[in-house]
Amino acid sequence: MVDTVVLYGIKTCSTVKKAMKWLEDRGIPVRYHDVRKDGLTAALLEGWVEAVGWEKLLNRSSLTFRRLDEAQRQDLTQARAVALMLEHPTLVRRPVLESGKTVTVGFRPELYEGLFAPTA
């Protein structure tokens, strides 16, 4: 039995769309959470940071990041990065997938294959 799968992202992100299609094509039930509309909580972000690290979670190549003041982008710490991601959810690298206790960031078919491979 598959654990509850939650995919976090934004509807306009092409990578989120690819991940969602991959899951749907394999009949994997997924709950979608739009980080822009539905928001994020500090507890959720802290859990992701613990699982994957804030450096991996923060999308420094995003338009949102590039639009931040130079002072906001410099000398980032975990606490400052989490605060920025809470204020600007589109700074989170997408998609974030939670399946049971596993958290992954980004979409690569081989990564998802490993997560959802049938167990004998």
PDB file of N, CA and C in Angstrom:
ATOM      1  N   MET A   1       0.836  -1.185   0.000  1.00  0.00           N
ATOM      2  CA  MET A   1       0.000   0.000   0.000  1.00  0.00           C
ATOM      3  C   MET A   1       0.877   1.244   0.000  1.00  0.00           C
ATOM      4  N   VAL A   2       0.526   2.195  -0.837  1.00  0.00           N
ATOM      5  CA  VAL A   2       1.297   3.426  -0.973  1.00  0.00           C
ATOM      6  C   VAL A   2       0.881   4.394   0.123  1.00  0.00           C
ATOM      7  N   ASP A   3       1.893   5.019   0.755  1.00  0.00           N
ATOM      8  CA  ASP A   3       1.608   6.060   1.734  1.00  0.00           C
ATOM      9  C   ASP A   3       0.947   7.235   1.028  1.00  0.00           C
ATOM     10  N   THR A   4       0.375   8.132   1.823  1.00  0.00           N
ATOM     11  CA  THR A   4      -0.182   9.348   1.247  1.00  0.00           C
ATOM     12  C   THR A   4       0.930  10.113   0.547  1.00  0.00           C
ATOM     13  N   VAL A   5       0.669  10.493  -0.687  1.00  0.00           N
ATOM     14  CA  VAL A   5       1.650  11.233  -1.482  1.00  0.00           C
ATOM     15  C   VAL A   5       1.128  12.647  -1.650  1.00  0.00           C
ATOM     16  N   VAL A   6       1.968  13.616  -1.301  1.00  0.00           N
ATOM     17  CA  VAL A   6       1.608  15.024  -1.456  1.00  0.00           C
ATOM     18  C   VAL A   6       2.662  15.668  -2.339  1.00  0.00           C
ATOM     19  N   LEU A   7       2.206  16.363  -3.370  1.00  0.00           N
ATOM     20  CA  LEU A   7       3.092  17.071  -4.280  1.00  0.00           C
ATOM     21  C   LEU A   7       2.882  18.561  -4.073  1.00  0.00           C
ATOM     22  N   TYR A   8       3.957  19.270  -3.739  1.00  0.00           N
ATOM     23  CA  TYR A   8       3.918  20.705  -3.497  1.00  0.00           C
ATOM     24  C   TYR A   8       4.550  21.422  -4.676  1.00  0.00           C
ATOM     25  N   GLY A   9       3.869  22.464  -5.145  1.00  0.00           N
ATOM     26  CA  GLY A   9       4.414  23.238  -6.261  1.00  0.00           C
ATOM     27  C   GLY A   9       3.495  24.372  -6.620  1.00  0.00           C
ATOM     28  N   ILE A  10       3.668  24.866  -7.848  1.00  0.00           N
ATOM     29  CA  ILE A  10       2.751  25.862  -8.400  1.00  0.00           C
ATOM     30  C   ILE A  10       2.267  25.344  -9.746  1.00  0.00           C
ATOM     31  N   LYS A  11       1.024  25.650 -10.074  1.00  0.00           N
ATOM     32  CA  LYS A  11       0.364  25.093 -11.270  1.00  0.00           C
ATOM     33  C   LYS A  11       1.100  25.415 -12.566  1.00  0.00           C
ATOM     34  N   THR A  12       1.763  26.579 -12.629  1.00  0.00           N
ATOM     35  CA  THR A  12       2.385  27.003 -13.877  1.00  0.00           C
ATOM     36  C   THR A  12       3.770  26.408 -14.099  1.00  0.00           C
ATOM     37  N   CYS A  13       4.305  25.685 -13.134  1.00  0.00           N
ATOM     38  CA  CYS A  13       5.649  25.121 -13.236  1.00  0.00           C
ATOM     39  C   CYS A  13       5.634  23.866 -14.114  1.00  0.00           C
ATOM     40  N   SER A  14       6.444  23.865 -15.156  1.00  0.00           N
ATOM     41  CA  SER A  14       6.464  22.729 -16.079  1.00  0.00           C
ATOM     42  C   SER A  14       6.994  21.458 -15.403  1.00  0.00           C
ATOM     43  N   THR A  15       7.918  21.596 -14.474  1.00  0.00           N
ATOM     44  CA  THR A  15       8.454  20.423 -13.779  1.00  0.00           C
ATOM     45  C   THR A  15       7.396  19.812 -12.867  1.00  0.00           C
ATOM     46  N   VAL A  16       6.597  20.647 -12.228  1.00  0.00           N
ATOM     47  CA  VAL A  16       5.495  20.152 -11.398  1.00  0.00           C
ATOM     48  C   VAL A  16       4.496  19.394 -12.278  1.00  0.00           C
ATOM     49  N   LYS A  17       4.205  19.945 -13.446  1.00  0.00           N
ATOM     50  CA  LYS A  17       3.274  19.282 -14.373  1.00  0.00           C
ATOM     51  C   LYS A  17       3.804  17.911 -14.799  1.00  0.00           C
ATOM     52  N   LYS A  18       5.103  17.820 -15.073  1.00  0.00           N
ATOM     53  CA  LYS A  18       5.704  16.538 -15.466  1.00  0.00           C
ATOM     54  C   LYS A  18       5.604  15.526 -14.328  1.00  0.00           C
ATOM     55  N   ALA A  19       5.892  15.969 -13.113  1.00  0.00           N
ATOM     56  CA  ALA A  19       5.829  15.071 -11.960  1.00  0.00           C
ATOM     57  C   ALA A  19       4.399  14.581 -11.745  1.00  0.00           C
ATOM     58  N   MET A  20       3.442  15.495 -11.835  1.00  0.00           N
ATOM     59  CA  MET A  20       2.033  15.137 -11.643  1.00  0.00           C
ATOM     60  C   MET A  20       1.591  14.124 -12.706  1.00  0.00           C
ATOM     61  N   LYS A  21       1.980  14.350 -13.950  1.00  0.00           N
ATOM     62  CA  LYS A  21       1.618  13.437 -15.031  1.00  0.00           C
ATOM     63  C   LYS A  21       2.258  12.064 -14.799  1.00  0.00           C
ATOM     64  N   TRP A  22       3.515  12.053 -14.378  1.00  0.00           N
ATOM     65  CA  TRP A  22       4.203  10.792 -14.110  1.00  0.00           C
ATOM     66  C   TRP A  22       3.433  10.004 -13.058  1.00  0.00           C
ATOM     67  N   LEU A  23       3.044  10.654 -11.970  1.00  0.00           N
ATOM     68  CA  LEU A  23       2.308   9.993 -10.891  1.00  0.00           C
ATOM     69  C   LEU A  23       0.939   9.504 -11.370  1.00  0.00           C
ATOM     70  N   GLU A  24       0.220  10.373 -12.083  1.00  0.00           N
ATOM     71  CA  GLU A  24      -1.113  10.011 -12.579  1.00  0.00           C
ATOM     72  C   GLU A  24      -1.044   8.849 -13.562  1.00  0.00           C
ATOM     73  N   ASP A  25      -0.039   8.860 -14.466  1.00  0.00           N
ATOM     74  CA  ASP A  25       0.106   7.783 -15.454  1.00  0.00           C
ATOM     75  C   ASP A  25       0.325   6.422 -14.802  1.00  0.00           C
ATOM     76  N   ARG A  26       0.845   6.411 -13.582  1.00  0.00           N
ATOM     77  CA  ARG A  26       1.103   5.166 -12.872  1.00  0.00           C
ATOM     78  C   ARG A  26       0.027   4.850 -11.841  1.00  0.00           C
ATOM     79  N   GLY A  27      -1.023   5.641 -11.845  1.00  0.00           N
ATOM     80  CA  GLY A  27      -2.143   5.395 -10.939  1.00  0.00           C
ATOM     81  C   GLY A  27      -1.816   5.638  -9.481  1.00  0.00           C
ATOM     82  N   ILE A  28      -0.839   6.482  -9.225  1.00  0.00           N
ATOM     83  CA  ILE A  28      -0.453   6.777  -7.849  1.00  0.00           C
ATOM     84  C   ILE A  28      -1.304   7.943  -7.359  1.00  0.00           C
ATOM     85  N   PRO A  29      -2.134   7.706  -6.347  1.00  0.00           N
ATOM     86  CA  PRO A  29      -2.985   8.786  -5.846  1.00  0.00           C
ATOM     87  C   PRO A  29      -2.120   9.874  -5.204  1.00  0.00           C
ATOM     88  N   VAL A  30      -2.400  11.099  -5.578  1.00  0.00           N
ATOM     89  CA  VAL A  30      -1.594  12.212  -5.098  1.00  0.00           C
ATOM     90  C   VAL A  30      -2.496  13.381  -4.698  1.00  0.00           C
ATOM     91  N   ARG A  31      -2.119  14.024  -3.618  1.00  0.00           N
ATOM     92  CA  ARG A  31      -2.803  15.254  -3.214  1.00  0.00           C
ATOM     93  C   ARG A  31      -1.884  16.398  -3.610  1.00  0.00           C
ATOM     94  N   TYR A  32      -2.425  17.381  -4.303  1.00  0.00           N
ATOM     95  CA  TYR A  32      -1.631  18.515  -4.759  1.00  0.00           C
ATOM     96  C   TYR A  32      -1.805  19.689  -3.800  1.00  0.00           C
ATOM     97  N   HIS A  33      -0.705  20.353  -3.481  1.00  0.00           N
ATOM     98  CA  HIS A  33      -0.718  21.520  -2.596  1.00  0.00           C
ATOM     99  C   HIS A  33      -0.011  22.654  -3.328  1.00  0.00           C
ATOM    100  N   ASP A  34      -0.756  23.693  -3.666  1.00  0.00           N
ATOM    101  CA  ASP A  34      -0.199  24.856  -4.359  1.00  0.00           C
ATOM    102  C   ASP A  34       0.441  25.776  -3.320  1.00  0.00           C
ATOM    103  N   VAL A  35       1.764  25.890  -3.356  1.00  0.00           N
ATOM    104  CA  VAL A  35       2.458  26.678  -2.331  1.00  0.00           C
ATOM    105  C   VAL A  35       2.130  28.165  -2.426  1.00  0.00           C
ATOM    106  N   ARG A  36       1.764  28.610  -3.606  1.00  0.00           N
ATOM    107  CA  ARG A  36       1.418  30.024  -3.760  1.00  0.00           C
ATOM    108  C   ARG A  36       0.033  30.300  -3.173  1.00  0.00           C
ATOM    109  N   LYS A  37      -0.942  29.452  -3.507  1.00  0.00           N
ATOM    110  CA  LYS A  37      -2.317  29.659  -3.039  1.00  0.00           C
ATOM    111  C   LYS A  37      -2.531  29.162  -1.612  1.00  0.00           C
ATOM    112  N   ASP A  38      -2.029  27.965  -1.316  1.00  0.00           N
ATOM    113  CA  ASP A  38      -2.289  27.325  -0.031  1.00  0.00           C
ATOM    114  C   ASP A  38      -1.258  27.684   1.034  1.00  0.00           C
ATOM    115  N   GLY A  39      -0.124  28.227   0.599  1.00  0.00           N
ATOM    116  CA  GLY A  39       0.905  28.663   1.535  1.00  0.00           C
ATOM    117  C   GLY A  39       1.713  27.529   2.138  1.00  0.00           C
ATOM    118  N   LEU A  40       2.629  27.919   3.001  1.00  0.00           N
ATOM    119  CA  LEU A  40       3.506  26.990   3.702  1.00  0.00           C
ATOM    120  C   LEU A  40       3.545  27.374   5.172  1.00  0.00           C
ATOM    121  N   THR A  41       3.852  26.412   6.010  1.00  0.00           N
ATOM    122  CA  THR A  41       4.006  26.698   7.433  1.00  0.00           C
ATOM    123  C   THR A  41       5.482  26.556   7.800  1.00  0.00           C
ATOM    124  N   ALA A  42       5.852  27.205   8.894  1.00  0.00           N
ATOM    125  CA  ALA A  42       7.231  27.100   9.366  1.00  0.00           C
ATOM    126  C   ALA A  42       7.568  25.650   9.699  1.00  0.00           C
ATOM    127  N   ALA A  43       6.626  24.928  10.310  1.00  0.00           N
ATOM    128  CA  ALA A  43       6.867  23.532  10.694  1.00  0.00           C
ATOM    129  C   ALA A  43       7.119  22.662   9.456  1.00  0.00           C
ATOM    130  N   LEU A  44       6.345  22.877   8.404  1.00  0.00           N
ATOM    131  CA  LEU A  44       6.507  22.119   7.166  1.00  0.00           C
ATOM    132  C   LEU A  44       7.881  22.391   6.566  1.00  0.00           C
ATOM    133  N   LEU A  45       8.230  23.671   6.441  1.00  0.00           N
ATOM    134  CA  LEU A  45       9.529  24.039   5.881  1.00  0.00           C
ATOM    135  C   LEU A  45      10.682  23.488   6.717  1.00  0.00           C
ATOM    136  N   GLU A  46      10.566  23.578   8.034  1.00  0.00           N
ATOM    137  CA  GLU A  46      11.619  23.063   8.914  1.00  0.00           C
ATOM    138  C   GLU A  46      11.801  21.556   8.714  1.00  0.00           C
ATOM    139  N   GLY A  47      10.698  20.837   8.518  1.00  0.00           N
ATOM    140  CA  GLY A  47      10.786  19.401   8.248  1.00  0.00           C
ATOM    141  C   GLY A  47      11.512  19.117   6.946  1.00  0.00           C
ATOM    142  N   TRP A  48      11.208  19.896   5.918  1.00  0.00           N
ATOM    143  CA  TRP A  48      11.892  19.722   4.631  1.00  0.00           C
ATOM    144  C   TRP A  48      13.372  20.043   4.760  1.00  0.00           C
ATOM    145  N   VAL A  49      13.681  21.118   5.469  1.00  0.00           N
ATOM    146  CA  VAL A  49      15.078  21.512   5.661  1.00  0.00           C
ATOM    147  C   VAL A  49      15.836  20.401   6.386  1.00  0.00           C
ATOM    148  N   GLU A  50      15.211  19.820   7.385  1.00  0.00           N
ATOM    149  CA  GLU A  50      15.835  18.717   8.114  1.00  0.00           C
ATOM    150  C   GLU A  50      16.068  17.525   7.189  1.00  0.00           C
ATOM    151  N   ALA A  51      15.140  17.282   6.279  1.00  0.00           N
ATOM    152  CA  ALA A  51      15.225  16.119   5.392  1.00  0.00           C
ATOM    153  C   ALA A  51      16.222  16.315   4.247  1.00  0.00           C
ATOM    154  N   VAL A  52      16.235  17.512   3.644  1.00  0.00           N
ATOM    155  CA  VAL A  52      17.045  17.687   2.431  1.00  0.00           C
ATOM    156  C   VAL A  52      18.070  18.819   2.516  1.00  0.00           C
ATOM    157  N   GLY A  53      17.969  19.671   3.531  1.00  0.00           N
ATOM    158  CA  GLY A  53      18.892  20.803   3.652  1.00  0.00           C
ATOM    159  C   GLY A  53      18.329  22.052   2.990  1.00  0.00           C
ATOM    160  N   TRP A  54      18.547  23.210   3.625  1.00  0.00           N
ATOM    161  CA  TRP A  54      17.986  24.445   3.076  1.00  0.00           C
ATOM    162  C   TRP A  54      18.635  24.842   1.761  1.00  0.00           C
ATOM    163  N   GLU A  55      19.902  24.486   1.565  1.00  0.00           N
ATOM    164  CA  GLU A  55      20.585  24.855   0.326  1.00  0.00           C
ATOM    165  C   GLU A  55      19.949  24.175  -0.883  1.00  0.00           C
ATOM    166  N   LYS A  56      19.516  22.942  -0.699  1.00  0.00           N
ATOM    167  CA  LYS A  56      18.863  22.210  -1.793  1.00  0.00           C
ATOM    168  C   LYS A  56      17.431  22.716  -2.011  1.00  0.00           C
ATOM    169  N   LEU A  57      16.798  23.136  -0.937  1.00  0.00           N
ATOM    170  CA  LEU A  57      15.401  23.560  -1.002  1.00  0.00           C
ATOM    171  C   LEU A  57      15.232  24.954  -1.599  1.00  0.00           C
ATOM    172  N   LEU A  58      16.188  25.834  -1.352  1.00  0.00           N
ATOM    173  CA  LEU A  58      16.092  27.215  -1.827  1.00  0.00           C
ATOM    174  C   LEU A  58      16.453  27.295  -3.303  1.00  0.00           C
ATOM    175  N   ASN A  59      15.539  27.822  -4.104  1.00  0.00           N
ATOM    176  CA  ASN A  59      15.745  27.934  -5.545  1.00  0.00           C
ATOM    177  C   ASN A  59      16.392  29.283  -5.869  1.00  0.00           C
ATOM    178  N   ARG A  60      17.719  29.294  -5.890  1.00  0.00           N
ATOM    179  CA  ARG A  60      18.472  30.528  -6.154  1.00  0.00           C
ATOM    180  C   ARG A  60      18.376  30.978  -7.605  1.00  0.00           C
ATOM    181  N   SER A  61      17.912  30.101  -8.497  1.00  0.00           N
ATOM    182  CA  SER A  61      17.805  30.486  -9.903  1.00  0.00           C
ATOM    183  C   SER A  61      16.414  31.025 -10.252  1.00  0.00           C
ATOM    184  N   SER A  62      15.527  31.083  -9.270  1.00  0.00           N
ATOM    185  CA  SER A  62      14.167  31.545  -9.544  1.00  0.00           C
ATOM    186  C   SER A  62      14.130  33.046  -9.775  1.00  0.00           C
ATOM    187  N   LEU A  63      13.140  33.464 -10.533  1.00  0.00           N
ATOM    188  CA  LEU A  63      12.917  34.884 -10.777  1.00  0.00           C
ATOM    189  C   LEU A  63      12.672  35.609  -9.459  1.00  0.00           C
ATOM    190  N   THR A  64      11.963  34.969  -8.555  1.00  0.00           N
ATOM    191  CA  THR A  64      11.686  35.580  -7.245  1.00  0.00           C
ATOM    192  C   THR A  64      12.986  35.865  -6.514  1.00  0.00           C
ATOM    193  N   PHE A  65      13.916  34.911  -6.527  1.00  0.00           N
ATOM    194  CA  PHE A  65      15.200  35.113  -5.839  1.00  0.00           C
ATOM    195  C   PHE A  65      15.975  36.253  -6.489  1.00  0.00           C
ATOM    196  N   ARG A  66      16.002  36.278  -7.814  1.00  0.00           N
ATOM    197  CA  ARG A  66      16.753  37.326  -8.515  1.00  0.00           C
ATOM    198  C   ARG A  66      16.158  38.706  -8.277  1.00  0.00           C
ATOM    199  N   ARG A  67      14.873  38.766  -7.965  1.00  0.00           N
ATOM    200  CA  ARG A  67      14.215  40.054  -7.716  1.00  0.00           C
ATOM    201  C   ARG A  67      14.383  40.556  -6.275  1.00  0.00           C
ATOM    202  N   LEU A  68      14.900  39.703  -5.393  1.00  0.00           N
ATOM    203  CA  LEU A  68      15.127  40.135  -4.018  1.00  0.00           C
ATOM    204  C   LEU A  68      16.221  41.200  -3.983  1.00  0.00           C
ATOM    205  N   ASP A  69      16.188  42.036  -2.959  1.00  0.00           N
ATOM    206  CA  ASP A  69      17.267  42.998  -2.762  1.00  0.00           C
ATOM    207  C   ASP A  69      18.571  42.241  -2.586  1.00  0.00           C
ATOM    208  N   GLU A  70      19.648  42.845  -3.043  1.00  0.00           N
ATOM    209  CA  GLU A  70      20.968  42.225  -2.914  1.00  0.00           C
ATOM    210  C   GLU A  70      21.250  41.844  -1.459  1.00  0.00           C
ATOM    211  N   ALA A  71      20.873  42.702  -0.528  1.00  0.00           N
ATOM    212  CA  ALA A  71      21.121  42.443   0.897  1.00  0.00           C
ATOM    213  C   ALA A  71      20.401  41.188   1.373  1.00  0.00           C
ATOM    214  N   GLN A  72      19.216  40.900   0.816  1.00  0.00           N
ATOM    215  CA  GLN A  72      18.465  39.711   1.204  1.00  0.00           C
ATOM    216  C   GLN A  72      19.113  38.437   0.662  1.00  0.00           C
ATOM    217  N   ARG A  73      19.822  38.560  -0.454  1.00  0.00           N
ATOM    218  CA  ARG A  73      20.434  37.390  -1.094  1.00  0.00           C
ATOM    219  C   ARG A  73      21.805  37.048  -0.523  1.00  0.00           C
ATOM    220  N   GLN A  74      22.423  37.981   0.154  1.00  0.00           N
ATOM    221  CA  GLN A  74      23.784  37.790   0.658  1.00  0.00           C
ATOM    222  C   GLN A  74      23.792  37.150   2.039  1.00  0.00           C
ATOM    223  N   ASP A  75      24.848  36.423   2.315  1.00  0.00           N
ATOM    224  CA  ASP A  75      25.103  35.843   3.638  1.00  0.00           C
ATOM    225  C   ASP A  75      23.897  35.108   4.216  1.00  0.00           C
ATOM    226  N   LEU A  76      23.310  34.256   3.401  1.00  0.00           N
ATOM    227  CA  LEU A  76      22.140  33.510   3.867  1.00  0.00           C
ATOM    228  C   LEU A  76      22.516  32.468   4.905  1.00  0.00           C
ATOM    229  N   THR A  77      21.677  32.355   5.890  1.00  0.00           N
ATOM    230  CA  THR A  77      21.769  31.302   6.890  1.00  0.00           C
ATOM    231  C   THR A  77      20.510  30.462   6.752  1.00  0.00           C
ATOM    232  N   GLN A  78      20.445  29.349   7.452  1.00  0.00           N
ATOM    233  CA  GLN A  78      19.244  28.525   7.410  1.00  0.00           C
ATOM    234  C   GLN A  78      18.029  29.323   7.873  1.00  0.00           C
ATOM    235  N   ALA A  79      18.160  30.046   8.970  1.00  0.00           N
ATOM    236  CA  ALA A  79      17.024  30.797   9.511  1.00  0.00           C
ATOM    237  C   ALA A  79      16.551  31.866   8.528  1.00  0.00           C
ATOM    238  N   ARG A  80      17.483  32.570   7.920  1.00  0.00           N
ATOM    239  CA  ARG A  80      17.095  33.613   6.957  1.00  0.00           C
ATOM    240  C   ARG A  80      16.481  33.005   5.702  1.00  0.00           C
ATOM    241  N   ALA A  81      17.020  31.880   5.248  1.00  0.00           N
ATOM    242  CA  ALA A  81      16.481  31.221   4.058  1.00  0.00           C
ATOM    243  C   ALA A  81      15.056  30.729   4.316  1.00  0.00           C
ATOM    244  N   VAL A  82      14.826  30.128   5.479  1.00  0.00           N
ATOM    245  CA  VAL A  82      13.478  29.661   5.817  1.00  0.00           C
ATOM    246  C   VAL A  82      12.514  30.839   5.897  1.00  0.00           C
ATOM    247  N   ALA A  83      12.939  31.927   6.504  1.00  0.00           N
ATOM    248  CA  ALA A  83      12.082  33.119   6.595  1.00  0.00           C
ATOM    249  C   ALA A  83      11.737  33.646   5.209  1.00  0.00           C
ATOM    250  N   LEU A  84      12.705  33.665   4.300  1.00  0.00           N
ATOM    251  CA  LEU A  84      12.449  34.119   2.929  1.00  0.00           C
ATOM    252  C   LEU A  84      11.474  33.187   2.214  1.00  0.00           C
ATOM    253  N   MET A  85      11.644  31.866   2.397  1.00  0.00           N
ATOM    254  CA  MET A  85      10.746  30.906   1.738  1.00  0.00           C
ATOM    255  C   MET A  85       9.332  30.998   2.296  1.00  0.00           C
ATOM    256  N   LEU A  86       9.214  31.312   3.585  1.00  0.00           N
ATOM    257  CA  LEU A  86       7.880  31.516   4.166  1.00  0.00           C
ATOM    258  C   LEU A  86       7.222  32.761   3.581  1.00  0.00           C
ATOM    259  N   GLU A  87       8.010  33.799   3.411  1.00  0.00           N
ATOM    260  CA  GLU A  87       7.483  35.053   2.865  1.00  0.00           C
ATOM    261  C   GLU A  87       7.211  34.945   1.368  1.00  0.00           C
ATOM    262  N   HIS A  88       8.063  34.205   0.663  1.00  0.00           N
ATOM    263  CA  HIS A  88       7.954  34.043  -0.793  1.00  0.00           C
ATOM    264  C   HIS A  88       7.988  32.547  -1.122  1.00  0.00           C
ATOM    265  N   PRO A  89       6.849  31.844  -1.055  1.00  0.00           N
ATOM    266  CA  PRO A  89       6.843  30.389  -1.278  1.00  0.00           C
ATOM    267  C   PRO A  89       7.406  29.953  -2.629  1.00  0.00           C
ATOM    268  N   THR A  90       7.418  30.847  -3.611  1.00  0.00           N
ATOM    269  CA  THR A  90       7.968  30.461  -4.915  1.00  0.00           C
ATOM    270  C   THR A  90       9.490  30.353  -4.888  1.00  0.00           C
ATOM    271  N   LEU A  91      10.115  30.640  -3.742  1.00  0.00           N
ATOM    272  CA  LEU A  91      11.555  30.418  -3.593  1.00  0.00           C
ATOM    273  C   LEU A  91      11.882  28.953  -3.334  1.00  0.00           C
ATOM    274  N   VAL A  92      10.865  28.144  -3.061  1.00  0.00           N
ATOM    275  CA  VAL A  92      11.085  26.713  -2.826  1.00  0.00           C
ATOM    276  C   VAL A  92      11.276  26.023  -4.169  1.00  0.00           C
ATOM    277  N   ARG A  93      12.355  25.263  -4.274  1.00  0.00           N
ATOM    278  CA  ARG A  93      12.608  24.488  -5.497  1.00  0.00           C
ATOM    279  C   ARG A  93      11.468  23.487  -5.668  1.00  0.00           C
ATOM    280  N   ARG A  94      10.994  23.324  -6.886  1.00  0.00           N
ATOM    281  CA  ARG A  94       9.815  22.507  -7.145  1.00  0.00           C
ATOM    282  C   ARG A  94      10.132  21.327  -8.057  1.00  0.00           C
ATOM    283  N   PRO A  95       9.256  20.320  -7.918  1.00  0.00           N
ATOM    284  CA  PRO A  95       8.272  20.085  -6.874  1.00  0.00           C
ATOM    285  C   PRO A  95       8.920  19.467  -5.636  1.00  0.00           C
ATOM    286  N   VAL A  96       8.231  19.606  -4.531  1.00  0.00           N
ATOM    287  CA  VAL A  96       8.598  18.879  -3.321  1.00  0.00           C
ATOM    288  C   VAL A  96       7.569  17.758  -3.200  1.00  0.00           C
ATOM    289  N   LEU A  97       8.058  16.544  -3.023  1.00  0.00           N
ATOM    290  CA  LEU A  97       7.172  15.385  -2.918  1.00  0.00           C
ATOM    291  C   LEU A  97       7.375  14.754  -1.555  1.00  0.00           C
ATOM    292  N   GLU A  98       6.268  14.551  -0.863  1.00  0.00           N
ATOM    293  CA  GLU A  98       6.286  13.822   0.406  1.00  0.00           C
ATOM    294  C   GLU A  98       5.568  12.504   0.181  1.00  0.00           C
ATOM    295  N   SER A  99       6.245  11.432   0.525  1.00  0.00           N
ATOM    296  CA  SER A  99       5.643  10.106   0.449  1.00  0.00           C
ATOM    297  C   SER A  99       6.054   9.376   1.714  1.00  0.00           C
ATOM    298  N   GLY A 100       5.106   9.253   2.630  1.00  0.00           N
ATOM    299  CA  GLY A 100       5.449   8.684   3.929  1.00  0.00           C
ATOM    300  C   GLY A 100       6.413   9.622   4.635  1.00  0.00           C
ATOM    301  N   LYS A 101       7.563   9.101   5.022  1.00  0.00           N
ATOM    302  CA  LYS A 101       8.574   9.916   5.696  1.00  0.00           C
ATOM    303  C   LYS A 101       9.645  10.421   4.733  1.00  0.00           C
ATOM    304  N   THR A 102       9.478  10.134   3.442  1.00  0.00           N
ATOM    305  CA  THR A 102      10.456  10.528   2.439  1.00  0.00           C
ATOM    306  C   THR A 102      10.086  11.879   1.843  1.00  0.00           C
ATOM    307  N   VAL A 103      11.091  12.742   1.721  1.00  0.00           N
ATOM    308  CA  VAL A 103      10.918  14.052   1.081  1.00  0.00           C
ATOM    309  C   VAL A 103      11.935  14.144  -0.047  1.00  0.00           C
ATOM    310  N   THR A 104      11.451  14.478  -1.245  1.00  0.00           N
ATOM    311  CA  THR A 104      12.349  14.693  -2.378  1.00  0.00           C
ATOM    312  C   THR A 104      12.075  16.064  -2.973  1.00  0.00           C
ATOM    313  N   VAL A 105      13.098  16.622  -3.598  1.00  0.00           N
ATOM    314  CA  VAL A 105      12.988  17.936  -4.223  1.00  0.00           C
ATOM    315  C   VAL A 105      13.382  17.783  -5.680  1.00  0.00           C
ATOM    316  N   GLY A 106      12.565  18.354  -6.561  1.00  0.00           N
ATOM    317  CA  GLY A 106      12.816  18.250  -7.995  1.00  0.00           C
ATOM    318  C   GLY A 106      12.157  16.999  -8.553  1.00  0.00           C
ATOM    319  N   PHE A 107      12.182  16.880  -9.876  1.00  0.00           N
ATOM    320  CA  PHE A 107      11.589  15.700 -10.503  1.00  0.00           C
ATOM    321  C   PHE A 107      12.592  15.098 -11.470  1.00  0.00           C
ATOM    322  N   ARG A 108      12.883  13.838 -11.238  1.00  0.00           N
ATOM    323  CA  ARG A 108      13.645  13.024 -12.171  1.00  0.00           C
ATOM    324  C   ARG A 108      12.934  11.682 -12.201  1.00  0.00           C
ATOM    325  N   PRO A 109      12.544  11.195 -13.379  1.00  0.00           N
ATOM    326  CA  PRO A 109      11.804   9.932 -13.444  1.00  0.00           C
ATOM    327  C   PRO A 109      12.487   8.792 -12.698  1.00  0.00           C
ATOM    328  N   GLU A 110      13.816   8.696 -12.782  1.00  0.00           N
ATOM    329  CA  GLU A 110      14.510   7.592 -12.110  1.00  0.00           C
ATOM    330  C   GLU A 110      14.403   7.700 -10.583  1.00  0.00           C
ATOM    331  N   LEU A 111      14.354   8.910 -10.072  1.00  0.00           N
ATOM    332  CA  LEU A 111      14.166   9.106  -8.633  1.00  0.00           C
ATOM    333  C   LEU A 111      12.783   8.610  -8.211  1.00  0.00           C
ATOM    334  N   TYR A 112      11.768   9.011  -8.967  1.00  0.00           N
ATOM    335  CA  TYR A 112      10.399   8.589  -8.655  1.00  0.00           C
ATOM    336  C   TYR A 112      10.242   7.080  -8.836  1.00  0.00           C
ATOM    337  N   GLU A 113      10.895   6.512  -9.860  1.00  0.00           N
ATOM    338  CA  GLU A 113      10.840   5.057 -10.066  1.00  0.00           C
ATOM    339  C   GLU A 113      11.334   4.340  -8.816  1.00  0.00           C
ATOM    340  N   GLY A 114      12.436   4.834  -8.253  1.00  0.00           N
ATOM    341  CA  GLY A 114      12.978   4.216  -7.051  1.00  0.00           C
ATOM    342  C   GLY A 114      12.042   4.328  -5.866  1.00  0.00           C
ATOM    343  N   LEU A 115      11.347   5.459  -5.759  1.00  0.00           N
ATOM    344  CA  LEU A 115      10.421   5.668  -4.658  1.00  0.00           C
ATOM    345  C   LEU A 115       9.184   4.786  -4.742  1.00  0.00           C
ATOM    346  N   PHE A 116       8.711   4.587  -5.968  1.00  0.00           N
ATOM    347  CA  PHE A 116       7.434   3.899  -6.160  1.00  0.00           C
ATOM    348  C   PHE A 116       7.564   2.544  -6.828  1.00  0.00           C
ATOM    349  N   ALA A 117       8.777   1.982  -6.773  1.00  0.00           N
ATOM    350  CA  ALA A 117       8.973   0.647  -7.361  1.00  0.00           C
ATOM    351  C   ALA A 117       8.142  -0.360  -6.588  1.00  0.00           C
ATOM    352  N   PRO A 118       7.478  -1.273  -7.297  1.00  0.00           N
ATOM    353  CA  PRO A 118       6.681  -2.281  -6.605  1.00  0.00           C
ATOM    354  C   PRO A 118       7.573  -3.130  -5.699  1.00  0.00           C
ATOM    355  N   THR A 119       7.068  -3.454  -4.534  1.00  0.00           N
ATOM    356  CA  THR A 119       7.816  -4.319  -3.623  1.00  0.00           C
ATOM    357  C   THR A 119       7.265  -5.736  -3.740  1.00  0.00           C
ATOM    358  N   ALA A 120       8.170  -6.670  -3.739  1.00  0.00           N
ATOM    359  CA  ALA A 120       7.749  -8.079  -3.901  1.00  0.00           C
ATOM    360  C   ALA A 120       7.429  -8.702  -2.575  1.00  0.00           C
TER     361      ALA A 120
END
